[in-house]
């Protein structure tokens, strides 16, 4: 199962963490893993394009990235638009492939 944790503060997405493999099909043929990876990695690349540097970690079956804090309002809006689009796509996949994806939203209290 792919476990996704989206951490928010005041409705802004601050970080995304994805762990595991879906187990939907064999490696290399797993459309669920491929779809989740494509959505999350595209969001990460878009954040890099908007923000420059992004703090991220990536290994086999693992991706975590943190949205850079921007004092520029337009940049912040663009960052959140990318992250919300990612969230919508991941939730749609979760709904279509129940039992293979778990998505949890957490509120950052700090």
Protein backbone atom coordinates (compact mmCIF):
# COMPACT_ATOMS: atom_id res chain seq x y z
CA UNK A 1 0.00 0.00 0.00
CA UNK A 2 1.12 3.55 -0.72
CA UNK A 3 0.80 5.78 2.34
CA UNK A 4 0.51 9.48 1.61
CA UNK A 5 0.70 12.15 4.31
CA UNK A 6 -0.17 15.72 3.39
CA UNK A 7 0.65 18.20 6.13
CA UNK A 8 -1.17 21.54 6.16
CA UNK A 9 -1.17 24.71 8.20
CA UNK A 10 -4.09 27.12 7.93
CA UNK A 11 -5.24 25.22 4.79
CA UNK A 12 -1.85 25.67 3.06
CA UNK A 13 -0.04 22.48 2.10
CA UNK A 14 3.38 22.48 3.77
CA UNK A 15 4.75 19.02 3.05
CA UNK A 16 4.00 15.77 1.27
CA UNK A 17 5.33 12.33 2.15
CA UNK A 18 4.75 9.16 0.14
CA UNK A 19 5.88 5.71 1.33
CA UNK A 20 5.61 2.22 -0.04
CA UNK A 21 4.40 0.45 -3.14
CA UNK A 22 0.79 -0.20 -4.03
CA UNK A 23 1.06 -3.92 -4.72
CA UNK A 24 -1.47 -3.52 -7.53
CA UNK A 25 0.81 -5.28 -10.04
CA UNK A 26 4.41 -6.43 -10.48
CA UNK A 27 7.14 -3.81 -10.46
CA UNK A 28 7.33 -2.11 -13.83
CA UNK A 29 3.67 -2.88 -14.58
CA UNK A 30 2.05 -1.20 -11.58
CA UNK A 31 -0.17 1.57 -12.95
CA UNK A 32 -1.12 2.75 -9.46
CA UNK A 33 2.50 3.31 -8.38
CA UNK A 34 3.25 4.92 -11.72
CA UNK A 35 0.31 7.31 -11.48
CA UNK A 36 1.07 8.34 -7.89
CA UNK A 37 4.74 8.82 -8.72
CA UNK A 38 3.99 10.86 -11.83
CA UNK A 39 1.63 13.19 -10.00
CA UNK A 40 3.90 13.72 -6.98
CA UNK A 41 7.13 14.09 -8.96
CA UNK A 42 5.51 16.53 -11.39
CA UNK A 43 4.35 18.62 -8.43
CA UNK A 44 7.89 18.55 -7.02
CA UNK A 45 9.40 19.65 -10.35
CA UNK A 46 6.82 22.44 -10.67
CA UNK A 47 7.68 23.65 -7.15
CA UNK A 48 11.36 23.65 -8.10
CA UNK A 49 10.53 25.68 -11.20
CA UNK A 50 8.51 28.21 -9.17
CA UNK A 51 10.70 28.37 -6.07
CA UNK A 52 14.20 27.40 -7.13
CA UNK A 53 15.41 25.06 -4.39
CA UNK A 54 13.05 22.61 -2.69
CA UNK A 55 13.98 20.41 0.27
CA UNK A 56 13.23 16.82 -0.74
CA UNK A 57 14.26 13.21 -0.12
CA UNK A 58 13.74 10.44 -2.67
CA UNK A 59 14.51 6.73 -2.49
CA UNK A 60 12.87 3.58 -3.81
CA UNK A 61 9.28 3.71 -2.61
CA UNK A 62 9.77 7.00 -0.79
CA UNK A 63 9.38 10.70 -1.59
CA UNK A 64 9.08 13.60 0.80
CA UNK A 65 9.21 17.29 0.01
CA UNK A 66 8.56 20.53 1.85
CA UNK A 67 7.09 23.60 0.20
CA UNK A 68 9.48 26.53 0.57
CA UNK A 69 8.12 29.47 2.53
CA UNK A 70 7.73 32.48 0.27
CA UNK A 71 7.09 36.06 1.33
CA UNK A 72 6.11 36.82 -2.28
CA UNK A 73 2.31 36.51 -2.40
CA UNK A 74 2.18 35.62 -6.11
CA UNK A 75 4.81 32.90 -5.68
CA UNK A 76 2.93 31.51 -2.66
CA UNK A 77 -0.31 31.36 -4.68
CA UNK A 78 1.46 29.53 -7.51
CA UNK A 79 3.04 27.05 -5.09
CA UNK A 80 -0.30 26.27 -3.46
CA UNK A 81 -2.04 25.91 -6.83
CA UNK A 82 0.48 23.22 -7.81
CA UNK A 83 0.11 21.44 -4.47
CA UNK A 84 -3.70 21.57 -4.54
CA UNK A 85 -3.74 20.12 -8.07
CA UNK A 86 -1.47 17.33 -6.82
CA UNK A 87 -3.78 16.74 -3.85
CA UNK A 88 -6.85 16.52 -6.12
CA UNK A 89 -5.11 14.00 -8.38
CA UNK A 90 -3.91 11.85 -5.48
CA UNK A 91 -7.35 11.85 -3.85
CA UNK A 92 -8.94 10.82 -7.14
CA UNK A 93 -6.50 7.91 -7.46
CA UNK A 94 -7.15 6.90 -3.84
CA UNK A 95 -10.89 6.87 -4.51
CA UNK A 96 -10.44 4.80 -7.67
CA UNK A 97 -7.98 2.32 -6.17
CA UNK A 98 -9.21 1.76 -2.63
CA UNK A 99 -7.03 -0.72 -0.79
CA UNK A 100 -3.89 0.36 -2.62
CA UNK A 101 -3.56 3.99 -1.48
CA UNK A 102 -4.07 5.52 1.95
CA UNK A 103 -4.10 9.32 2.16
CA UNK A 104 -3.93 11.13 5.48
CA UNK A 105 -4.13 14.86 6.04
CA UNK A 106 -2.43 16.27 9.11
CA UNK A 107 -2.58 19.74 10.58
CA UNK A 108 0.79 21.23 11.50
CA UNK A 109 0.37 22.76 14.94
CA UNK A 110 3.73 24.56 14.98
